[in-house]
Amino acid sequence: MQNYVLNTCAMIAFFGDEAGAEKVSELLNTAAFSECELFMHNASVAEIYYDAMKSAKRKEDTILQSLSEYPIAFIDNITRDMIKWIGYFKTTYRVSFADSFVLATAKLHDGKVVMSDHHEFDVIERNGDLDFEWIR
């Protein structure tokens, strides 16, 4: 069974019905039928919450409730192995701190990263460090 790690941008696209939302919706449906597993670190949840708070619509509590209803395994711990992978991705690729949590989660759960931001992450895929499921 394929594992996927949802990045912030993928879920923001999903909640905002932006380009790529249909791909995220397909993954959520696939996971609902136990045909794949979805993971998300709570660092990404915090980033989604922040994004909702700064929007004019202020729907952050609705988004938190919605997230809890989807077939996503939320990761809230930070193990020593995760710390090492966070450090690796942060220093090697100069990604944001929140993104380093996503990448570390994918590494530890043997998952593809679900994402839209090619500019920073194509090199990670080219180097063979992780696989990505691009939503757009």
C-alpha atoms as a PDB file:
ATOM      1  CA  MET A   1       0.000   0.000   0.000  1.00  0.00           C
ATOM      2  CA  GLN A   2       1.321   3.437  -0.908  1.00  0.00           C
ATOM      3  CA  ASN A   3       1.866   6.014   1.839  1.00  0.00           C
ATOM      4  CA  TYR A   4       1.487   9.737   1.206  1.00  0.00           C
ATOM      5  CA  VAL A   5       2.425  12.744   3.330  1.00  0.00           C
ATOM      6  CA  LEU A   6       0.245  15.785   2.796  1.00  0.00           C
ATOM      7  CA  ASN A   7       2.061  19.096   2.601  1.00  0.00           C
ATOM      8  CA  THR A   8       0.466  22.367   3.654  1.00  0.00           C
ATOM      9  CA  CYS A   9       0.138  23.683   0.098  1.00  0.00           C
ATOM     10  CA  ALA A  10      -1.829  20.597  -0.961  1.00  0.00           C
ATOM     11  CA  MET A  11      -4.378  21.011   1.818  1.00  0.00           C
ATOM     12  CA  ILE A  12      -4.647  24.768   1.288  1.00  0.00           C
ATOM     13  CA  ALA A  13      -5.372  24.043  -2.391  1.00  0.00           C
ATOM     14  CA  PHE A  14      -7.978  21.477  -1.324  1.00  0.00           C
ATOM     15  CA  PHE A  15      -9.767  23.749   1.155  1.00  0.00           C
ATOM     16  CA  GLY A  16      -9.583  26.715  -1.225  1.00  0.00           C
ATOM     17  CA  ASP A  17     -10.786  24.685  -4.220  1.00  0.00           C
ATOM     18  CA  GLU A  18      -7.672  25.775  -6.088  1.00  0.00           C
ATOM     19  CA  ALA A  19      -5.825  24.003  -8.897  1.00  0.00           C
ATOM     20  CA  GLY A  20      -4.804  20.566  -7.633  1.00  0.00           C
ATOM     21  CA  ALA A  21      -7.733  20.234  -5.213  1.00  0.00           C
ATOM     22  CA  GLU A  22      -9.167  17.364  -7.258  1.00  0.00           C
ATOM     23  CA  LYS A  23      -5.946  15.347  -6.861  1.00  0.00           C
ATOM     24  CA  VAL A  24      -6.047  15.800  -3.066  1.00  0.00           C
ATOM     25  CA  SER A  25      -9.726  14.841  -3.056  1.00  0.00           C
ATOM     26  CA  GLU A  26      -8.887  11.646  -4.988  1.00  0.00           C
ATOM     27  CA  LEU A  27      -6.235  10.727  -2.415  1.00  0.00           C
ATOM     28  CA  LEU A  28      -8.640  11.371   0.475  1.00  0.00           C
ATOM     29  CA  ASN A  29     -11.228   9.123  -1.195  1.00  0.00           C
ATOM     30  CA  THR A  30      -8.638   6.433  -1.873  1.00  0.00           C
ATOM     31  CA  ALA A  31      -7.555   6.527   1.777  1.00  0.00           C
ATOM     32  CA  ALA A  32     -11.194   6.299   2.906  1.00  0.00           C
ATOM     33  CA  PHE A  33     -11.319   2.904   1.139  1.00  0.00           C
ATOM     34  CA  SER A  34      -8.030   1.853   2.802  1.00  0.00           C
ATOM     35  CA  GLU A  35      -6.235   1.761  -0.547  1.00  0.00           C
ATOM     36  CA  CYS A  36      -3.490   4.125   0.616  1.00  0.00           C
ATOM     37  CA  GLU A  37      -2.402   5.752   3.863  1.00  0.00           C
ATOM     38  CA  LEU A  38      -2.225   9.502   4.405  1.00  0.00           C
ATOM     39  CA  PHE A  39      -0.007  11.193   6.982  1.00  0.00           C
ATOM     40  CA  MET A  40       0.354  14.787   8.096  1.00  0.00           C
ATOM     41  CA  HIS A  41       2.617  16.218  10.754  1.00  0.00           C
ATOM     42  CA  ASN A  42       0.937  18.641  13.121  1.00  0.00           C
ATOM     43  CA  ALA A  43       3.522  21.255  12.084  1.00  0.00           C
ATOM     44  CA  SER A  44       1.621  21.331   8.773  1.00  0.00           C
ATOM     45  CA  VAL A  45      -1.694  21.554  10.611  1.00  0.00           C
ATOM     46  CA  ALA A  46      -0.379  24.615  12.457  1.00  0.00           C
ATOM     47  CA  GLU A  47       0.661  26.169   9.152  1.00  0.00           C
ATOM     48  CA  ILE A  48      -2.798  25.526   7.654  1.00  0.00           C
ATOM     49  CA  TYR A  49      -4.401  27.040  10.758  1.00  0.00           C
ATOM     50  CA  TYR A  50      -2.180  30.110  10.459  1.00  0.00           C
ATOM     51  CA  ASP A  51      -3.052  30.488   6.770  1.00  0.00           C
ATOM     52  CA  ALA A  52      -6.769  30.345   7.600  1.00  0.00           C
ATOM     53  CA  MET A  53      -6.391  32.859  10.442  1.00  0.00           C
ATOM     54  CA  LYS A  54      -4.790  35.466   8.216  1.00  0.00           C
ATOM     55  CA  SER A  55      -7.464  35.155   5.523  1.00  0.00           C
ATOM     56  CA  ALA A  56     -10.445  37.474   5.443  1.00  0.00           C
ATOM     57  CA  LYS A  57     -12.847  34.545   5.857  1.00  0.00           C
ATOM     58  CA  ARG A  58     -11.366  33.438   9.212  1.00  0.00           C
ATOM     59  CA  LYS A  59     -12.485  29.816   8.947  1.00  0.00           C
ATOM     60  CA  GLU A  60      -9.649  28.287  10.952  1.00  0.00           C
ATOM     61  CA  ASP A  61     -11.837  26.370  13.423  1.00  0.00           C
ATOM     62  CA  THR A  62     -13.897  24.918  10.581  1.00  0.00           C
ATOM     63  CA  ILE A  63     -10.722  23.738   8.883  1.00  0.00           C
ATOM     64  CA  LEU A  64      -9.441  22.092  12.078  1.00  0.00           C
ATOM     65  CA  GLN A  65     -12.741  20.267  12.452  1.00  0.00           C
ATOM     66  CA  SER A  66     -12.718  19.222   8.793  1.00  0.00           C
ATOM     67  CA  LEU A  67      -9.167  17.898   9.020  1.00  0.00           C
ATOM     68  CA  SER A  68     -10.133  15.634  11.908  1.00  0.00           C
ATOM     69  CA  GLU A  69     -12.876  14.060   9.776  1.00  0.00           C
ATOM     70  CA  TYR A  70     -10.545  12.902   6.988  1.00  0.00           C
ATOM     71  CA  PRO A  71      -8.670   9.572   6.936  1.00  0.00           C
ATOM     72  CA  ILE A  72      -5.332  11.157   7.842  1.00  0.00           C
ATOM     73  CA  ALA A  73      -2.911   9.875  10.470  1.00  0.00           C
ATOM     74  CA  PHE A  74      -1.664  12.951  12.313  1.00  0.00           C
ATOM     75  CA  ILE A  75       1.892  12.807  13.609  1.00  0.00           C
ATOM     76  CA  ASP A  76       2.494  14.880  16.710  1.00  0.00           C
ATOM     77  CA  ASN A  77       5.747  13.521  18.065  1.00  0.00           C
ATOM     78  CA  ILE A  78       9.313  14.454  17.253  1.00  0.00           C
ATOM     79  CA  THR A  79      11.621  11.487  17.633  1.00  0.00           C
ATOM     80  CA  ARG A  80      15.409  11.586  17.447  1.00  0.00           C
ATOM     81  CA  ASP A  81      15.224  10.057  13.979  1.00  0.00           C
ATOM     82  CA  MET A  82      12.835  12.800  12.920  1.00  0.00           C
ATOM     83  CA  ILE A  83      15.159  15.455  14.341  1.00  0.00           C
ATOM     84  CA  LYS A  84      18.007  14.005  12.272  1.00  0.00           C
ATOM     85  CA  TRP A  85      15.941  14.006   9.075  1.00  0.00           C
ATOM     86  CA  ILE A  86      14.648  17.527   9.768  1.00  0.00           C
ATOM     87  CA  GLY A  87      18.235  18.674  10.131  1.00  0.00           C
ATOM     88  CA  TYR A  88      19.275  16.848   6.975  1.00  0.00           C
ATOM     89  CA  PHE A  89      16.562  18.356   4.780  1.00  0.00           C
ATOM     90  CA  LYS A  90      16.844  21.825   6.306  1.00  0.00           C
ATOM     91  CA  THR A  91      20.616  22.041   5.825  1.00  0.00           C
ATOM     92  CA  THR A  92      20.929  20.110   2.559  1.00  0.00           C
ATOM     93  CA  TYR A  93      18.061  21.760   0.677  1.00  0.00           C
ATOM     94  CA  ARG A  94      17.424  24.960   2.642  1.00  0.00           C
ATOM     95  CA  VAL A  95      13.680  24.323   2.851  1.00  0.00           C
ATOM     96  CA  SER A  96      11.460  26.029   5.404  1.00  0.00           C
ATOM     97  CA  PHE A  97      11.325  24.619   8.912  1.00  0.00           C
ATOM     98  CA  ALA A  98       7.713  23.464   8.406  1.00  0.00           C
ATOM     99  CA  ASP A  99       8.592  21.777   5.111  1.00  0.00           C
ATOM    100  CA  SER A 100      11.470  19.951   6.767  1.00  0.00           C
ATOM    101  CA  PHE A 101       8.871  18.296   9.064  1.00  0.00           C
ATOM    102  CA  VAL A 102       6.906  17.168   6.003  1.00  0.00           C
ATOM    103  CA  LEU A 103       9.994  15.741   4.333  1.00  0.00           C
ATOM    104  CA  ALA A 104      11.153  13.995   7.507  1.00  0.00           C
ATOM    105  CA  THR A 105       7.680  12.502   7.991  1.00  0.00           C
ATOM    106  CA  ALA A 106       7.764  11.189   4.414  1.00  0.00           C
ATOM    107  CA  LYS A 107      11.201   9.663   4.955  1.00  0.00           C
ATOM    108  CA  LEU A 108      10.171   7.946   8.202  1.00  0.00           C
ATOM    109  CA  HIS A 109       6.871   6.644   6.794  1.00  0.00           C
ATOM    110  CA  ASP A 110       8.227   5.713   3.369  1.00  0.00           C
ATOM    111  CA  GLY A 111       5.730   8.068   1.776  1.00  0.00           C
ATOM    112  CA  LYS A 112       5.404  10.223  -1.294  1.00  0.00           C
ATOM    113  CA  VAL A 113       5.105  13.935  -0.527  1.00  0.00           C
ATOM    114  CA  VAL A 114       1.863  15.435  -1.876  1.00  0.00           C
ATOM    115  CA  MET A 115       2.797  18.915  -2.974  1.00  0.00           C
ATOM    116  CA  SER A 116       2.553  21.665  -5.572  1.00  0.00           C
ATOM    117  CA  ASP A 117       5.756  23.679  -5.031  1.00  0.00           C
ATOM    118  CA  HIS A 118       8.136  22.415  -7.699  1.00  0.00           C
ATOM    119  CA  HIS A 119      10.688  25.214  -7.393  1.00  0.00           C
ATOM    120  CA  GLU A 120      12.183  24.114  -4.076  1.00  0.00           C
ATOM    121  CA  PHE A 121      11.509  20.409  -4.260  1.00  0.00           C
ATOM    122  CA  ASP A 122      12.321  19.199  -7.773  1.00  0.00           C
ATOM    123  CA  VAL A 123      15.968  18.892  -6.754  1.00  0.00           C
ATOM    124  CA  ILE A 124      15.034  16.596  -3.839  1.00  0.00           C
ATOM    125  CA  GLU A 125      13.197  14.304  -6.219  1.00  0.00           C
ATOM    126  CA  ARG A 126      16.000  14.442  -8.813  1.00  0.00           C
ATOM    127  CA  ASN A 127      18.538  13.520  -6.127  1.00  0.00           C
ATOM    128  CA  GLY A 128      16.434  10.502  -5.169  1.00  0.00           C
ATOM    129  CA  ASP A 129      15.939  11.544  -1.543  1.00  0.00           C
ATOM    130  CA  LEU A 130      12.133  11.334  -1.764  1.00  0.00           C
ATOM    131  CA  ASP A 131       9.326  10.760  -4.239  1.00  0.00           C
ATOM    132  CA  PHE A 132       6.624  13.349  -4.837  1.00  0.00           C
ATOM    133  CA  GLU A 133       3.003  13.289  -5.950  1.00  0.00           C
ATOM    134  CA  TRP A 134       2.596  16.625  -7.702  1.00  0.00           C
ATOM    135  CA  ILE A 135      -0.913  18.074  -7.575  1.00  0.00           C
ATOM    136  CA  ARG A 136      -0.227  20.612 -10.327  1.00  0.00           C
END
